[in-house]
Amino acid sequence: MKKVSQLAINIFFILILLACVLPIVLLVSISFTSDLSIVRNGYSFIPREFSLDAYRYLWSDRDRILHSLLITIALTVTGTVLSTMITSMLAYAISRKKFVIRKGLNFVVFFSMLFNGGLVPTYIMYTQFLHVKDTFWGLLLPNLLVSGFHVMMMRTYYTSNIHDEILESAAVDGAGEFRTFFQIVMPMSVPILATVGLLSAINYSNDWYNGLIYLNKPSLFSLQNLLNRILMDLQFLRSENTSDGSLQNIPLESARMAMAVIGIAPILCAYPFFQRYFVKGITVGSVKG
């Protein structure tokens, strides 16, 4: 009976693995398929007619893509570090039982997970009061002001794994709150920090919405914003009726998939460095409420 249950679990997770991997394989395959073959035969895991037209088209715009990639890297690194730091400090504060306004902050964080101010008040706040319009802050700041889910996850980790005796012994030795946090709590919290850092990095690297709302300058476009604009341009060009039909040869479908491949490549490269901490941080951080 034990072997049967183990086999069922293995099959279940193999199916989950295939559900995650096969779409990426299909995505890469389509990006190397000619548009004419896609129209005739549809999507397939093995290209019917191998073609590099999509990547040639994107290569012709390589300067803009490289510039946007650098913006994305700077945004992801800066945003991940700052967001993880702010989240961990807030989570540590509300995990301390002696903190006076602990319950009030817990309620505020939890409330922010259920409701938000909506697009119009948010836009007015960021553009009229914080003046992030057409600046790098327009990409950084909206996602920087802490995710309630990340705060709750880190708070649970601190409550479950950072025992009061350790903190009290540090206080007896004369350590203040900041020294205790940076020299004791953070080194003991590497799994949850890596987990939240990875989630923040994915959020920043995949974000296109903030650029759409707050940016008009092409020089500030992140990779996702630029790829979105290129896709819109492709659709516009393909919809044009020309006498010679030259614009109809633009690889719309395969270029769309090639853009997606370029967009997910940075995170796929970064994930192996976080993997050993990711599962541990998720599971340990969700034991208690």
C-alpha atoms as a PDB file:
ATOM      1  CA  MET A   1       0.000   0.000   0.000  1.00  0.00           C
ATOM      2  CA  LYS A   2       2.873   2.329   0.832  1.00  0.00           C
ATOM      3  CA  LYS A   3       4.493   1.659  -2.556  1.00  0.00           C
ATOM      4  CA  VAL A   4       1.225   2.394  -4.364  1.00  0.00           C
ATOM      5  CA  SER A   5       0.782   5.707  -2.567  1.00  0.00           C
ATOM      6  CA  GLN A   6       4.406   6.632  -3.265  1.00  0.00           C
ATOM      7  CA  LEU A   7       3.922   5.779  -6.937  1.00  0.00           C
ATOM      8  CA  ALA A   8       0.771   7.909  -7.088  1.00  0.00           C
ATOM      9  CA  ILE A   9       2.630  10.844  -5.537  1.00  0.00           C
ATOM     10  CA  ASN A  10       5.491  10.448  -8.014  1.00  0.00           C
ATOM     11  CA  ILE A  11       3.097  10.354 -10.956  1.00  0.00           C
ATOM     12  CA  PHE A  12       1.286  13.426  -9.657  1.00  0.00           C
ATOM     13  CA  PHE A  13       4.481  15.462  -9.399  1.00  0.00           C
ATOM     14  CA  ILE A  14       5.682  14.235 -12.791  1.00  0.00           C
ATOM     15  CA  LEU A  15       2.441  15.570 -14.271  1.00  0.00           C
ATOM     16  CA  ILE A  16       2.988  18.876 -12.461  1.00  0.00           C
ATOM     17  CA  LEU A  17       6.544  18.982 -13.856  1.00  0.00           C
ATOM     18  CA  LEU A  18       5.309  18.347 -17.391  1.00  0.00           C
ATOM     19  CA  ALA A  19       2.658  21.041 -16.996  1.00  0.00           C
ATOM     20  CA  CYS A  20       5.435  23.506 -16.134  1.00  0.00           C
ATOM     21  CA  VAL A  21       8.080  22.405 -18.654  1.00  0.00           C
ATOM     22  CA  LEU A  22       6.052  21.605 -21.775  1.00  0.00           C
ATOM     23  CA  PRO A  23       4.714  25.173 -22.281  1.00  0.00           C
ATOM     24  CA  ILE A  24       8.306  26.475 -22.226  1.00  0.00           C
ATOM     25  CA  VAL A  25       9.386  23.815 -24.734  1.00  0.00           C
ATOM     26  CA  LEU A  26       6.450  24.717 -26.980  1.00  0.00           C
ATOM     27  CA  LEU A  27       7.290  28.408 -26.621  1.00  0.00           C
ATOM     28  CA  VAL A  28      10.883  27.877 -27.758  1.00  0.00           C
ATOM     29  CA  SER A  29       9.812  25.589 -30.589  1.00  0.00           C
ATOM     30  CA  ILE A  30       7.333  28.110 -32.003  1.00  0.00           C
ATOM     31  CA  SER A  31       9.943  30.873 -31.853  1.00  0.00           C
ATOM     32  CA  PHE A  32      12.078  28.799 -34.260  1.00  0.00           C
ATOM     33  CA  THR A  33       9.179  28.031 -36.615  1.00  0.00           C
ATOM     34  CA  SER A  34       8.323  30.012 -39.730  1.00  0.00           C
ATOM     35  CA  ASP A  35       5.086  31.987 -39.649  1.00  0.00           C
ATOM     36  CA  LEU A  36       3.831  30.288 -42.790  1.00  0.00           C
ATOM     37  CA  SER A  37       4.233  26.880 -41.160  1.00  0.00           C
ATOM     38  CA  ILE A  38       2.384  28.091 -38.056  1.00  0.00           C
ATOM     39  CA  VAL A  39      -0.523  29.298 -40.195  1.00  0.00           C
ATOM     40  CA  ARG A  40      -0.656  26.042 -42.163  1.00  0.00           C
ATOM     41  CA  ASN A  41       0.040  23.474 -39.446  1.00  0.00           C
ATOM     42  CA  GLY A  42      -0.563  25.237 -36.143  1.00  0.00           C
ATOM     43  CA  TYR A  43       1.652  24.932 -33.093  1.00  0.00           C
ATOM     44  CA  SER A  44       3.852  21.876 -32.555  1.00  0.00           C
ATOM     45  CA  PHE A  45       6.634  20.822 -30.196  1.00  0.00           C
ATOM     46  CA  ILE A  46       8.944  20.117 -33.157  1.00  0.00           C
ATOM     47  CA  PRO A  47       9.268  22.885 -35.789  1.00  0.00           C
ATOM     48  CA  ARG A  48       7.817  21.787 -39.144  1.00  0.00           C
ATOM     49  CA  GLU A  49       9.818  24.500 -40.941  1.00  0.00           C
ATOM     50  CA  PHE A  50      12.822  25.717 -38.974  1.00  0.00           C
ATOM     51  CA  SER A  51      13.314  29.475 -39.225  1.00  0.00           C
ATOM     52  CA  LEU A  52      15.352  32.206 -37.520  1.00  0.00           C
ATOM     53  CA  ASP A  53      13.267  35.039 -38.976  1.00  0.00           C
ATOM     54  CA  ALA A  54      11.866  36.049 -35.588  1.00  0.00           C
ATOM     55  CA  TYR A  55      15.293  36.349 -34.006  1.00  0.00           C
ATOM     56  CA  ARG A  56      16.655  38.146 -37.075  1.00  0.00           C
ATOM     57  CA  TYR A  57      13.859  40.684 -36.735  1.00  0.00           C
ATOM     58  CA  LEU A  58      14.623  41.213 -33.050  1.00  0.00           C
ATOM     59  CA  TRP A  59      18.366  41.345 -33.798  1.00  0.00           C
ATOM     60  CA  SER A  60      17.735  44.250 -36.142  1.00  0.00           C
ATOM     61  CA  ASP A  61      16.477  46.141 -33.079  1.00  0.00           C
ATOM     62  CA  ARG A  62      19.222  44.843 -30.774  1.00  0.00           C
ATOM     63  CA  ASP A  63      20.394  48.259 -29.513  1.00  0.00           C
ATOM     64  CA  ARG A  64      17.010  49.100 -28.020  1.00  0.00           C
ATOM     65  CA  ILE A  65      16.579  45.582 -26.656  1.00  0.00           C
ATOM     66  CA  LEU A  66      20.020  45.634 -25.002  1.00  0.00           C
ATOM     67  CA  HIS A  67      19.340  49.053 -23.472  1.00  0.00           C
ATOM     68  CA  SER A  68      15.995  47.836 -22.116  1.00  0.00           C
ATOM     69  CA  LEU A  69      17.654  44.683 -20.783  1.00  0.00           C
ATOM     70  CA  LEU A  70      20.123  46.821 -18.827  1.00  0.00           C
ATOM     71  CA  ILE A  71      17.208  48.876 -17.446  1.00  0.00           C
ATOM     72  CA  THR A  72      15.489  45.645 -16.405  1.00  0.00           C
ATOM     73  CA  ILE A  73      18.630  44.309 -14.708  1.00  0.00           C
ATOM     74  CA  ALA A  74      19.156  47.578 -12.800  1.00  0.00           C
ATOM     75  CA  LEU A  75      15.476  47.679 -11.846  1.00  0.00           C
ATOM     76  CA  THR A  76      15.383  44.042 -10.727  1.00  0.00           C
ATOM     77  CA  VAL A  77      18.566  44.198  -8.656  1.00  0.00           C
ATOM     78  CA  THR A  78      17.731  47.537  -7.001  1.00  0.00           C
ATOM     79  CA  GLY A  79      14.070  46.701  -6.435  1.00  0.00           C
ATOM     80  CA  THR A  80      14.769  43.217  -5.097  1.00  0.00           C
ATOM     81  CA  VAL A  81      17.361  44.408  -2.571  1.00  0.00           C
ATOM     82  CA  LEU A  82      15.311  47.363  -1.315  1.00  0.00           C
ATOM     83  CA  SER A  83      11.984  45.528  -1.314  1.00  0.00           C
ATOM     84  CA  THR A  84      13.403  42.517   0.543  1.00  0.00           C
ATOM     85  CA  MET A  85      15.062  44.782   3.101  1.00  0.00           C
ATOM     86  CA  ILE A  86      11.902  46.825   3.768  1.00  0.00           C
ATOM     87  CA  THR A  87       9.759  43.687   3.910  1.00  0.00           C
ATOM     88  CA  SER A  88      12.087  41.896   6.319  1.00  0.00           C
ATOM     89  CA  MET A  89      12.330  44.891   8.665  1.00  0.00           C
ATOM     90  CA  LEU A  90       8.559  45.345   8.797  1.00  0.00           C
ATOM     91  CA  ALA A  91       7.996  41.614   9.264  1.00  0.00           C
ATOM     92  CA  TYR A  92      10.537  41.519  12.099  1.00  0.00           C
ATOM     93  CA  ALA A  93       8.864  44.454  13.830  1.00  0.00           C
ATOM     94  CA  ILE A  94       5.382  42.929  13.798  1.00  0.00           C
ATOM     95  CA  SER A  95       6.743  39.537  14.878  1.00  0.00           C
ATOM     96  CA  ARG A  96       7.998  41.007  18.174  1.00  0.00           C
ATOM     97  CA  LYS A  97       5.410  40.544  20.916  1.00  0.00           C
ATOM     98  CA  LYS A  98       6.698  43.541  22.855  1.00  0.00           C
ATOM     99  CA  PHE A  99       6.221  45.940  19.928  1.00  0.00           C
ATOM    100  CA  VAL A 100       3.492  48.388  21.010  1.00  0.00           C
ATOM    101  CA  ILE A 101       1.673  48.904  17.689  1.00  0.00           C
ATOM    102  CA  ARG A 102       2.180  45.305  16.524  1.00  0.00           C
ATOM    103  CA  LYS A 103      -1.539  44.485  16.240  1.00  0.00           C
ATOM    104  CA  GLY A 104      -2.309  47.702  14.375  1.00  0.00           C
ATOM    105  CA  LEU A 105       0.425  47.113  11.800  1.00  0.00           C
ATOM    106  CA  ASN A 106      -0.662  43.494  11.399  1.00  0.00           C
ATOM    107  CA  PHE A 107      -4.160  44.694  10.577  1.00  0.00           C
ATOM    108  CA  VAL A 108      -2.878  47.285   8.083  1.00  0.00           C
ATOM    109  CA  VAL A 109      -0.743  44.685   6.288  1.00  0.00           C
ATOM    110  CA  PHE A 110      -3.561  42.150   6.191  1.00  0.00           C
ATOM    111  CA  PHE A 111      -6.068  44.785   5.047  1.00  0.00           C
ATOM    112  CA  SER A 112      -3.776  45.741   2.141  1.00  0.00           C
ATOM    113  CA  MET A 113      -3.940  42.131   0.926  1.00  0.00           C
ATOM    114  CA  LEU A 114      -7.729  42.388   0.572  1.00  0.00           C
ATOM    115  CA  PHE A 115      -8.276  45.941  -0.700  1.00  0.00           C
ATOM    116  CA  ASN A 116      -6.384  48.628  -2.574  1.00  0.00           C
ATOM    117  CA  GLY A 117      -7.043  52.239  -3.508  1.00  0.00           C
ATOM    118  CA  GLY A 118      -7.717  51.582  -7.188  1.00  0.00           C
ATOM    119  CA  LEU A 119      -5.971  52.913 -10.273  1.00  0.00           C
ATOM    120  CA  VAL A 120      -7.081  56.558 -10.214  1.00  0.00           C
ATOM    121  CA  PRO A 121      -6.095  57.409  -6.591  1.00  0.00           C
ATOM    122  CA  THR A 122      -2.867  55.435  -7.011  1.00  0.00           C
ATOM    123  CA  TYR A 123      -1.999  57.271 -10.224  1.00  0.00           C
ATOM    124  CA  ILE A 124      -2.717  60.659  -8.650  1.00  0.00           C
ATOM    125  CA  MET A 125      -0.620  59.811  -5.589  1.00  0.00           C
ATOM    126  CA  TYR A 126       2.414  58.695  -7.600  1.00  0.00           C
ATOM    127  CA  THR A 127       2.283  61.412 -10.274  1.00  0.00           C
ATOM    128  CA  GLN A 128       1.013  64.470  -8.389  1.00  0.00           C
ATOM    129  CA  PHE A 129       2.607  63.950  -4.965  1.00  0.00           C
ATOM    130  CA  LEU A 130       5.562  61.610  -5.522  1.00  0.00           C
ATOM    131  CA  HIS A 131       6.324  62.864  -9.073  1.00  0.00           C
ATOM    132  CA  VAL A 132       7.428  59.536 -10.525  1.00  0.00           C
ATOM    133  CA  LYS A 133       6.071  60.253 -14.007  1.00  0.00           C
ATOM    134  CA  ASP A 134       8.708  59.549 -16.687  1.00  0.00           C
ATOM    135  CA  THR A 135      11.374  58.647 -14.129  1.00  0.00           C
ATOM    136  CA  PHE A 136      13.074  55.417 -13.071  1.00  0.00           C
ATOM    137  CA  TRP A 137      11.089  55.669  -9.831  1.00  0.00           C
ATOM    138  CA  GLY A 138       7.943  55.048 -11.863  1.00  0.00           C
ATOM    139  CA  LEU A 139       9.175  51.492 -12.412  1.00  0.00           C
ATOM    140  CA  LEU A 140      10.701  51.019  -8.960  1.00  0.00           C
ATOM    141  CA  LEU A 141       8.449  52.663  -6.385  1.00  0.00           C
ATOM    142  CA  PRO A 142       4.975  51.115  -7.029  1.00  0.00           C
ATOM    143  CA  ASN A 143       6.303  47.585  -6.370  1.00  0.00           C
ATOM    144  CA  LEU A 144       8.669  48.705  -3.628  1.00  0.00           C
ATOM    145  CA  LEU A 145       6.073  49.552  -0.988  1.00  0.00           C
ATOM    146  CA  VAL A 146       5.874  46.031   0.356  1.00  0.00           C
ATOM    147  CA  SER A 147       3.738  43.030  -0.564  1.00  0.00           C
ATOM    148  CA  GLY A 148       1.409  42.059   2.265  1.00  0.00           C
ATOM    149  CA  PHE A 149       1.771  38.370   1.426  1.00  0.00           C
ATOM    150  CA  HIS A 150       5.579  38.566   1.644  1.00  0.00           C
ATOM    151  CA  VAL A 151       5.380  40.390   4.978  1.00  0.00           C
ATOM    152  CA  MET A 152       3.056  37.776   6.461  1.00  0.00           C
ATOM    153  CA  MET A 153       5.240  34.946   5.187  1.00  0.00           C
ATOM    154  CA  MET A 154       8.377  36.478   6.712  1.00  0.00           C
ATOM    155  CA  ARG A 155       6.575  37.296   9.955  1.00  0.00           C
ATOM    156  CA  THR A 156       5.548  33.657  10.270  1.00  0.00           C
ATOM    157  CA  TYR A 157       9.123  32.550   9.630  1.00  0.00           C
ATOM    158  CA  TYR A 158      10.459  34.861  12.344  1.00  0.00           C
ATOM    159  CA  THR A 159       7.792  33.721  14.803  1.00  0.00           C
ATOM    160  CA  SER A 160       8.501  30.051  14.113  1.00  0.00           C
ATOM    161  CA  ASN A 161      12.298  30.074  13.920  1.00  0.00           C
ATOM    162  CA  ILE A 162      13.690  33.102  15.754  1.00  0.00           C
ATOM    163  CA  HIS A 163      13.060  32.260  19.391  1.00  0.00           C
ATOM    164  CA  ASP A 164      12.708  34.922  22.070  1.00  0.00           C
ATOM    165  CA  GLU A 165      15.571  33.424  24.093  1.00  0.00           C
ATOM    166  CA  ILE A 166      18.036  34.256  21.301  1.00  0.00           C
ATOM    167  CA  LEU A 167      16.852  37.853  21.088  1.00  0.00           C
ATOM    168  CA  GLU A 168      16.843  38.243  24.875  1.00  0.00           C
ATOM    169  CA  SER A 169      20.404  36.943  25.133  1.00  0.00           C
ATOM    170  CA  ALA A 170      21.470  39.465  22.503  1.00  0.00           C
ATOM    171  CA  ALA A 171      19.794  42.248  24.490  1.00  0.00           C
ATOM    172  CA  VAL A 172      21.568  41.109  27.669  1.00  0.00           C
ATOM    173  CA  ASP A 173      24.890  41.370  25.825  1.00  0.00           C
ATOM    174  CA  GLY A 174      24.061  44.972  24.983  1.00  0.00           C
ATOM    175  CA  ALA A 175      22.916  44.612  21.374  1.00  0.00           C
ATOM    176  CA  GLY A 176      20.323  47.106  20.183  1.00  0.00           C
ATOM    177  CA  GLU A 177      17.419  46.283  17.877  1.00  0.00           C
ATOM    178  CA  PHE A 178      19.284  47.169  14.669  1.00  0.00           C
ATOM    179  CA  ARG A 179      22.375  45.195  15.630  1.00  0.00           C
ATOM    180  CA  THR A 180      20.243  42.243  16.677  1.00  0.00           C
ATOM    181  CA  PHE A 181      18.365  42.333  13.391  1.00  0.00           C
ATOM    182  CA  PHE A 182      21.358  42.655  11.070  1.00  0.00           C
ATOM    183  CA  GLN A 183      23.847  40.432  12.909  1.00  0.00           C
ATOM    184  CA  ILE A 184      21.596  37.728  14.366  1.00  0.00           C
ATOM    185  CA  VAL A 185      18.168  37.644  12.727  1.00  0.00           C
ATOM    186  CA  MET A 186      19.185  38.105   9.089  1.00  0.00           C
ATOM    187  CA  PRO A 187      21.924  35.410   9.061  1.00  0.00           C
ATOM    188  CA  MET A 188      19.362  32.990  10.524  1.00  0.00           C
ATOM    189  CA  SER A 189      16.788  33.940   7.873  1.00  0.00           C
ATOM    190  CA  VAL A 190      18.637  33.197   4.644  1.00  0.00           C
ATOM    191  CA  PRO A 191      16.000  30.732   3.283  1.00  0.00           C
ATOM    192  CA  ILE A 192      13.072  33.125   3.663  1.00  0.00           C
ATOM    193  CA  LEU A 193      15.138  36.093   2.444  1.00  0.00           C
ATOM    194  CA  ALA A 194      16.107  34.147  -0.669  1.00  0.00           C
ATOM    195  CA  THR A 195      12.500  33.100  -1.219  1.00  0.00           C
ATOM    196  CA  VAL A 196      11.083  36.611  -0.910  1.00  0.00           C
ATOM    197  CA  GLY A 197      13.999  37.950  -2.954  1.00  0.00           C
ATOM    198  CA  LEU A 198      13.237  35.543  -5.793  1.00  0.00           C
ATOM    199  CA  LEU A 199       9.533  36.403  -5.751  1.00  0.00           C
ATOM    200  CA  SER A 200      10.377  40.119  -5.806  1.00  0.00           C
ATOM    201  CA  ALA A 201      12.861  39.610  -8.644  1.00  0.00           C
ATOM    202  CA  ILE A 202      10.216  37.800 -10.703  1.00  0.00           C
ATOM    203  CA  ASN A 203       7.745  40.579  -9.983  1.00  0.00           C
ATOM    204  CA  TYR A 204      10.145  43.302 -11.124  1.00  0.00           C
ATOM    205  CA  SER A 205      11.529  41.509 -14.165  1.00  0.00           C
ATOM    206  CA  ASN A 206       8.049  40.594 -15.466  1.00  0.00           C
ATOM    207  CA  ASP A 207       6.436  43.957 -14.758  1.00  0.00           C
ATOM    208  CA  TRP A 208       5.137  45.891 -17.776  1.00  0.00           C
ATOM    209  CA  TYR A 209       2.118  47.559 -16.183  1.00  0.00           C
ATOM    210  CA  ASN A 210       3.964  50.324 -14.330  1.00  0.00           C
ATOM    211  CA  GLY A 211       5.856  51.302 -17.460  1.00  0.00           C
ATOM    212  CA  LEU A 212       2.593  51.427 -19.394  1.00  0.00           C
ATOM    213  CA  ILE A 213       1.008  53.714 -16.782  1.00  0.00           C
ATOM    214  CA  TYR A 214       3.860  55.981 -15.697  1.00  0.00           C
ATOM    215  CA  LEU A 215       6.305  56.142 -18.631  1.00  0.00           C
ATOM    216  CA  ASN A 216       6.284  57.897 -21.983  1.00  0.00           C
ATOM    217  CA  LYS A 217      10.067  58.068 -22.501  1.00  0.00           C
ATOM    218  CA  PRO A 218      11.354  55.136 -24.601  1.00  0.00           C
ATOM    219  CA  SER A 219      14.786  55.520 -22.973  1.00  0.00           C
ATOM    220  CA  LEU A 220      13.305  54.303 -19.656  1.00  0.00           C
ATOM    221  CA  PHE A 221      11.419  51.294 -21.013  1.00  0.00           C
ATOM    222  CA  SER A 222      12.206  47.993 -19.335  1.00  0.00           C
ATOM    223  CA  LEU A 223      12.510  44.858 -21.438  1.00  0.00           C
ATOM    224  CA  GLN A 224       8.873  43.891 -20.889  1.00  0.00           C
ATOM    225  CA  ASN A 225       7.674  47.376 -21.863  1.00  0.00           C
ATOM    226  CA  LEU A 226       9.798  47.383 -25.007  1.00  0.00           C
ATOM    227  CA  LEU A 227       8.703  43.900 -26.066  1.00  0.00           C
ATOM    228  CA  ASN A 228       5.086  44.920 -25.542  1.00  0.00           C
ATOM    229  CA  ARG A 229       5.600  47.989 -27.754  1.00  0.00           C
ATOM    230  CA  ILE A 230       7.377  45.933 -30.433  1.00  0.00           C
ATOM    231  CA  LEU A 231       4.487  43.467 -30.425  1.00  0.00           C
ATOM    232  CA  MET A 232       1.975  46.285 -30.855  1.00  0.00           C
ATOM    233  CA  ASP A 233       4.071  47.675 -33.734  1.00  0.00           C
ATOM    234  CA  LEU A 234       4.173  44.250 -35.373  1.00  0.00           C
ATOM    235  CA  GLN A 235       0.416  43.904 -35.182  1.00  0.00           C
ATOM    236  CA  PHE A 236      -0.015  47.374 -36.662  1.00  0.00           C
ATOM    237  CA  LEU A 237       2.383  46.680 -39.540  1.00  0.00           C
ATOM    238  CA  ARG A 238       0.754  43.334 -40.338  1.00  0.00           C
ATOM    239  CA  SER A 239      -2.652  45.005 -40.438  1.00  0.00           C
ATOM    240  CA  GLU A 240      -1.476  47.504 -43.085  1.00  0.00           C
ATOM    241  CA  ASN A 241      -2.480  46.726 -46.641  1.00  0.00           C
ATOM    242  CA  THR A 242       0.424  47.371 -48.965  1.00  0.00           C
ATOM    243  CA  SER A 243       0.550  46.929 -52.707  1.00  0.00           C
ATOM    244  CA  ASP A 244       3.691  44.831 -52.696  1.00  0.00           C
ATOM    245  CA  GLY A 245       2.771  42.860 -49.590  1.00  0.00           C
ATOM    246  CA  SER A 246       6.263  43.351 -48.102  1.00  0.00           C
ATOM    247  CA  LEU A 247       4.943  44.104 -44.637  1.00  0.00           C
ATOM    248  CA  GLN A 248       2.974  40.880 -44.631  1.00  0.00           C
ATOM    249  CA  ASN A 249       6.267  38.939 -44.355  1.00  0.00           C
ATOM    250  CA  ILE A 250       6.969  40.149 -40.831  1.00  0.00           C
ATOM    251  CA  PRO A 251       7.059  37.067 -38.522  1.00  0.00           C
ATOM    252  CA  LEU A 252       4.298  38.063 -36.122  1.00  0.00           C
ATOM    253  CA  GLU A 253       3.563  34.769 -34.349  1.00  0.00           C
ATOM    254  CA  SER A 254       7.138  33.498 -34.085  1.00  0.00           C
ATOM    255  CA  ALA A 255       8.383  36.956 -33.085  1.00  0.00           C
ATOM    256  CA  ARG A 256       5.791  37.030 -30.311  1.00  0.00           C
ATOM    257  CA  MET A 257       7.189  33.766 -28.935  1.00  0.00           C
ATOM    258  CA  ALA A 258      10.804  34.900 -29.401  1.00  0.00           C
ATOM    259  CA  MET A 259       9.998  37.982 -27.318  1.00  0.00           C
ATOM    260  CA  ALA A 260       8.611  35.750 -24.579  1.00  0.00           C
ATOM    261  CA  VAL A 261      11.774  33.612 -24.668  1.00  0.00           C
ATOM    262  CA  ILE A 262      13.924  36.714 -24.246  1.00  0.00           C
ATOM    263  CA  GLY A 263      11.666  37.940 -21.442  1.00  0.00           C
ATOM    264  CA  ILE A 264      11.889  34.762 -19.337  1.00  0.00           C
ATOM    265  CA  ALA A 265      15.591  34.091 -19.959  1.00  0.00           C
ATOM    266  CA  PRO A 266      16.953  36.276 -17.088  1.00  0.00           C
ATOM    267  CA  ILE A 267      14.749  34.617 -14.452  1.00  0.00           C
ATOM    268  CA  LEU A 268      15.541  31.122 -15.767  1.00  0.00           C
ATOM    269  CA  CYS A 269      19.225  31.943 -15.372  1.00  0.00           C
ATOM    270  CA  ALA A 270      18.765  33.342 -11.845  1.00  0.00           C
ATOM    271  CA  TYR A 271      16.466  30.640 -10.442  1.00  0.00           C
ATOM    272  CA  PRO A 272      19.114  27.877  -9.946  1.00  0.00           C
ATOM    273  CA  PHE A 273      20.988  30.129  -7.500  1.00  0.00           C
ATOM    274  CA  PHE A 274      17.867  30.485  -5.319  1.00  0.00           C
ATOM    275  CA  GLN A 275      16.476  26.972  -5.706  1.00  0.00           C
ATOM    276  CA  ARG A 276      18.028  25.343  -2.632  1.00  0.00           C
ATOM    277  CA  TYR A 277      16.575  28.060  -0.387  1.00  0.00           C
ATOM    278  CA  PHE A 278      13.240  28.458  -2.167  1.00  0.00           C
ATOM    279  CA  VAL A 279      11.431  25.285  -1.048  1.00  0.00           C
ATOM    280  CA  LYS A 280      12.760  25.510   2.505  1.00  0.00           C
ATOM    281  CA  GLY A 281      11.724  29.150   2.814  1.00  0.00           C
ATOM    282  CA  ILE A 282       8.206  28.500   1.497  1.00  0.00           C
ATOM    283  CA  THR A 283       7.547  25.448   3.694  1.00  0.00           C
ATOM    284  CA  VAL A 284       9.100  26.702   6.925  1.00  0.00           C
ATOM    285  CA  GLY A 285       7.522  30.121   6.478  1.00  0.00           C
ATOM    286  CA  SER A 286       4.042  28.632   6.272  1.00  0.00           C
ATOM    287  CA  VAL A 287       3.986  26.301   9.262  1.00  0.00           C
ATOM    288  CA  LYS A 288       2.257  28.675  11.642  1.00  0.00           C
ATOM    289  CA  GLY A 289      -0.173  31.535  11.224  1.00  0.00           C
END
